[in-house]
């Protein structure tokens, strides 16, 4: 007789990433690539517009991290240091579901990227290249602060952002090649093969409409910030 404890656990397709989260992810990828390209080409008007769009996306993600689908919420992947250490030791407790959304290490990477992008947007809003481009909030800060923000935005911040992106891509490649885990496909389809008792993220028409309204509000906020450049 087969021991039930040794039988493979039956899996089903579970909705992990709701459509708003997936749309945010790929929009942010496109925006970050566009920011790097426009910076290198000195297309600073477009760089500023895209930066404001990234700001809107980040505000959207912060709110969606509270009201979005289960696995998109910060509560599902922001862990205490002790929990992260247990994960690194392989001491996973029942019901922690580290294999569903972001595992504790992946969560740190995501949080670092969001924080750095937020800092890049904030510094860009007050930056002044002293040639042709000035952030819409530049007039609200001193020249010293503007200078520091400009240097950070164009030098250290840009370099660290590129390094974090490369680290993120490298981690995805590592999981694909070494662990045979495809982290990209679930962010396209929204689903993963998981044990049947895994809770799913809500991804209904109502949640998607709520996301559209939220995004519209975030874009309106970005447009208002842009308008502050002209007193």
Protein backbone atom coordinates (compact mmCIF):
# COMPACT_ATOMS: atom_id res chain seq x y z
CA UNK A 1 0.00 0.00 0.00
CA UNK A 2 1.25 3.48 -0.87
CA UNK A 3 2.08 5.74 2.03
CA UNK A 4 -0.12 8.90 1.65
CA UNK A 5 2.71 11.00 3.04
CA UNK A 6 4.91 10.06 0.07
CA UNK A 7 2.30 10.66 -2.63
CA UNK A 8 2.75 13.84 -4.69
CA UNK A 9 0.42 16.65 -3.73
CA UNK A 10 -2.24 17.32 -6.36
CA UNK A 11 -1.91 20.77 -7.91
CA UNK A 12 -4.31 23.06 -9.72
CA UNK A 13 -4.03 26.39 -11.54
CA UNK A 14 -4.34 29.14 -8.95
CA UNK A 15 -4.70 32.85 -9.75
CA UNK A 16 -1.73 34.46 -8.00
CA UNK A 17 -1.18 37.76 -9.83
CA UNK A 18 -4.31 39.77 -10.61
CA UNK A 19 -4.47 41.64 -13.92
CA UNK A 20 -3.78 45.10 -12.39
CA UNK A 21 -0.57 43.78 -10.79
CA UNK A 22 0.57 42.20 -14.04
CA UNK A 23 -0.22 45.36 -16.01
CA UNK A 24 1.68 47.44 -13.45
CA UNK A 25 4.69 45.13 -13.66
CA UNK A 26 5.06 45.23 -17.44
CA UNK A 27 4.25 48.94 -17.66
CA UNK A 28 7.01 49.59 -15.12
CA UNK A 29 9.47 47.42 -17.05
CA UNK A 30 8.73 49.36 -20.25
CA UNK A 31 8.94 52.69 -18.43
CA UNK A 32 12.29 51.94 -16.77
CA UNK A 33 13.83 50.86 -20.08
CA UNK A 34 12.44 54.02 -21.68
CA UNK A 35 13.91 56.17 -18.91
CA UNK A 36 17.37 54.74 -19.47
CA UNK A 37 17.11 55.18 -23.25
CA UNK A 38 15.79 58.75 -23.08
CA UNK A 39 18.49 59.69 -20.57
CA UNK A 40 21.22 58.34 -22.84
CA UNK A 41 19.74 60.14 -25.87
CA UNK A 42 19.29 63.40 -23.92
CA UNK A 43 15.58 63.30 -24.76
CA UNK A 44 14.90 64.95 -21.42
CA UNK A 45 11.39 66.20 -22.14
CA UNK A 46 10.29 62.63 -22.71
CA UNK A 47 12.43 61.49 -19.79
CA UNK A 48 10.50 63.86 -17.53
CA UNK A 49 7.10 62.74 -18.84
CA UNK A 50 7.95 59.07 -18.41
CA UNK A 51 9.34 59.78 -14.94
CA UNK A 52 6.04 61.35 -13.92
CA UNK A 53 4.31 58.25 -15.28
CA UNK A 54 6.56 56.06 -13.14
CA UNK A 55 5.62 58.18 -10.15
CA UNK A 56 1.94 57.53 -10.90
CA UNK A 57 2.64 53.79 -11.21
CA UNK A 58 4.46 53.73 -7.88
CA UNK A 59 1.62 55.48 -6.07
CA UNK A 60 -0.77 53.01 -7.69
CA UNK A 61 1.33 50.07 -6.47
CA UNK A 62 1.52 51.43 -2.94
CA UNK A 63 -2.26 51.63 -2.73
CA UNK A 64 -2.75 48.34 -4.58
CA UNK A 65 -0.42 46.75 -2.06
CA UNK A 66 -3.16 47.38 0.49
CA UNK A 67 -6.38 46.80 -1.50
CA UNK A 68 -5.25 44.53 -4.36
CA UNK A 69 -5.32 40.76 -4.78
CA UNK A 70 -4.16 38.61 -1.87
CA UNK A 71 -0.65 37.91 -3.16
CA UNK A 72 -0.13 41.49 -4.36
CA UNK A 73 -0.65 42.89 -0.88
CA UNK A 74 2.39 43.85 1.14
CA UNK A 75 1.01 41.84 4.04
CA UNK A 76 1.61 38.66 2.00
CA UNK A 77 5.29 39.20 1.33
CA UNK A 78 6.75 41.76 3.74
CA UNK A 79 8.23 39.64 6.51
CA UNK A 80 10.00 40.17 9.80
CA UNK A 81 13.79 39.54 9.92
CA UNK A 82 13.21 36.38 11.94
CA UNK A 83 10.94 34.96 9.26
CA UNK A 84 13.52 35.72 6.57
CA UNK A 85 16.21 33.95 8.60
CA UNK A 86 13.98 30.89 9.03
CA UNK A 87 13.37 30.86 5.28
CA UNK A 88 17.11 30.95 4.60
CA UNK A 89 17.58 28.01 6.98
CA UNK A 90 14.82 26.08 5.25
CA UNK A 91 12.61 26.17 8.33
CA UNK A 92 9.29 26.89 6.60
CA UNK A 93 6.20 26.55 8.73
CA UNK A 94 2.86 25.18 7.47
CA UNK A 95 0.66 27.80 5.87
CA UNK A 96 3.42 30.30 5.09
CA UNK A 97 3.05 29.79 1.31
CA UNK A 98 6.50 31.12 0.44
CA UNK A 99 6.24 29.36 -2.93
CA UNK A 100 3.14 31.28 -4.05
CA UNK A 101 3.95 34.97 -4.56
CA UNK A 102 7.22 36.67 -3.65
CA UNK A 103 9.43 34.59 -1.37
CA UNK A 104 11.17 36.56 1.42
CA UNK A 105 14.33 37.19 -0.63
CA UNK A 106 12.37 38.14 -3.73
CA UNK A 107 10.30 40.49 -1.59
CA UNK A 108 13.44 42.32 -0.46
CA UNK A 109 14.43 42.77 -4.10
CA UNK A 110 11.00 44.11 -5.02
CA UNK A 111 10.93 46.51 -2.08
CA UNK A 112 14.44 47.76 -2.87
CA UNK A 113 13.48 48.43 -6.50
CA UNK A 114 10.29 50.26 -5.53
CA UNK A 115 12.12 52.35 -2.93
CA UNK A 116 14.94 53.29 -5.29
CA UNK A 117 12.52 54.14 -8.10
CA UNK A 118 10.62 56.33 -5.65
CA UNK A 119 13.84 58.10 -4.73
CA UNK A 120 14.73 58.55 -8.40
CA UNK A 121 11.33 60.07 -9.13
CA UNK A 122 11.55 62.35 -6.08
CA UNK A 123 15.05 63.56 -6.97
CA UNK A 124 14.02 64.12 -10.58
CA UNK A 125 11.11 66.28 -9.50
CA UNK A 126 13.47 68.80 -7.89
CA UNK A 127 16.50 68.36 -10.17
CA UNK A 128 18.00 71.09 -12.35
CA UNK A 129 20.58 70.28 -15.03
CA UNK A 130 21.31 74.02 -15.38
CA UNK A 131 20.91 73.69 -19.15
CA UNK A 132 17.35 73.12 -20.29
CA UNK A 133 15.52 70.79 -17.91
CA UNK A 134 14.17 71.56 -14.45
CA UNK A 135 11.92 69.39 -12.34
CA UNK A 136 8.41 70.71 -11.67
CA UNK A 137 9.08 70.98 -7.93
CA UNK A 138 12.49 72.58 -8.24
CA UNK A 139 11.24 76.01 -7.19
CA UNK A 140 10.21 74.61 -3.81
CA UNK A 141 13.76 73.62 -2.77
CA UNK A 142 17.06 75.40 -2.30
CA UNK A 143 19.76 75.34 -4.97
CA UNK A 144 21.89 73.17 -2.67
CA UNK A 145 19.16 70.54 -2.35
CA UNK A 146 18.51 70.71 -6.09
CA UNK A 147 22.22 70.17 -6.77
CA UNK A 148 22.40 67.14 -4.50
CA UNK A 149 19.24 65.70 -6.03
CA UNK A 150 20.53 66.24 -9.56
CA UNK A 151 23.85 64.54 -8.85
CA UNK A 152 22.17 61.59 -7.17
CA UNK A 153 19.59 61.21 -9.94
CA UNK A 154 22.09 61.28 -12.80
CA UNK A 155 24.94 59.38 -11.17
CA UNK A 156 24.71 57.16 -8.09
CA UNK A 157 20.94 56.62 -8.24
CA UNK A 158 21.03 55.69 -11.90
CA UNK A 159 23.92 53.25 -11.39
CA UNK A 160 22.33 51.55 -8.37
CA UNK A 161 19.03 51.23 -10.22
CA UNK A 162 20.70 49.53 -13.18
CA UNK A 163 22.53 47.16 -10.81
CA UNK A 164 19.30 46.26 -9.00
CA UNK A 165 17.55 45.59 -12.30
CA UNK A 166 20.40 43.35 -13.42
CA UNK A 167 20.28 41.53 -10.07
CA UNK A 168 16.53 41.06 -10.49
CA UNK A 169 16.95 39.66 -14.00
CA UNK A 170 19.81 37.46 -12.83
CA UNK A 171 17.66 35.98 -10.06
CA UNK A 172 14.93 35.17 -12.58
CA UNK A 173 17.47 33.44 -14.82
CA UNK A 174 18.90 31.52 -11.84
CA UNK A 175 15.49 30.19 -10.81
CA UNK A 176 14.77 29.18 -14.41
CA UNK A 177 18.06 27.37 -15.06
CA UNK A 178 18.99 25.97 -11.66
CA UNK A 179 15.63 25.35 -10.02
CA UNK A 180 13.48 24.90 -13.13
CA UNK A 181 11.05 27.52 -11.84
CA UNK A 182 9.62 29.95 -14.37
CA UNK A 183 8.94 33.24 -12.59
CA UNK A 184 8.04 35.13 -15.78
CA UNK A 185 5.10 33.07 -17.05
CA UNK A 186 2.92 33.57 -13.93
CA UNK A 187 3.43 37.33 -14.34
CA UNK A 188 2.02 36.94 -17.87
CA UNK A 189 -0.85 34.51 -17.29
CA UNK A 190 -1.46 35.30 -13.62
CA UNK A 191 -1.60 31.61 -12.68
CA UNK A 192 0.68 29.02 -11.07
CA UNK A 193 0.36 25.29 -10.48
CA UNK A 194 -0.05 25.04 -6.74
CA UNK A 195 -1.64 22.77 -4.12
CA UNK A 196 -5.41 22.82 -4.35
CA UNK A 197 -5.80 24.41 -0.91
CA UNK A 198 -3.75 27.51 -1.88
CA UNK A 199 -5.82 30.72 -1.51
CA UNK A 200 -6.26 32.60 -4.80
CA UNK A 201 -6.09 36.32 -5.47
CA UNK A 202 -9.33 38.06 -6.33
CA UNK A 203 -9.25 39.10 -9.98
CA UNK A 204 -12.79 39.99 -10.94
CA UNK A 205 -14.31 42.67 -13.13
CA UNK A 206 -15.02 44.69 -10.00
CA UNK A 207 -11.39 44.58 -8.83
CA UNK A 208 -10.17 45.52 -12.30
CA UNK A 209 -12.54 48.49 -12.51
CA UNK A 210 -11.35 49.59 -9.08
CA UNK A 211 -7.79 49.46 -10.37
CA UNK A 212 -8.69 51.57 -13.41
CA UNK A 213 -10.24 54.24 -11.19
CA UNK A 214 -7.21 54.18 -8.91
CA UNK A 215 -4.79 54.47 -11.84
CA UNK A 216 -6.77 57.39 -13.27
CA UNK A 217 -6.49 59.17 -9.92
CA UNK A 218 -2.73 58.51 -9.80
CA UNK A 219 -2.26 59.86 -13.33
CA UNK A 220 -4.29 62.94 -12.41
CA UNK A 221 -2.01 63.44 -9.41
CA UNK A 222 1.05 63.20 -11.68
CA UNK A 223 -0.47 65.75 -14.06
CA UNK A 224 -1.12 68.12 -11.15
CA UNK A 225 2.49 67.77 -9.98
CA UNK A 226 3.67 68.57 -13.52
CA UNK A 227 1.50 71.69 -13.54
CA UNK A 228 3.34 73.05 -10.49
CA UNK A 229 6.29 73.92 -12.75
CA UNK A 230 4.34 76.95 -13.93
CA UNK A 231 3.24 79.11 -10.97
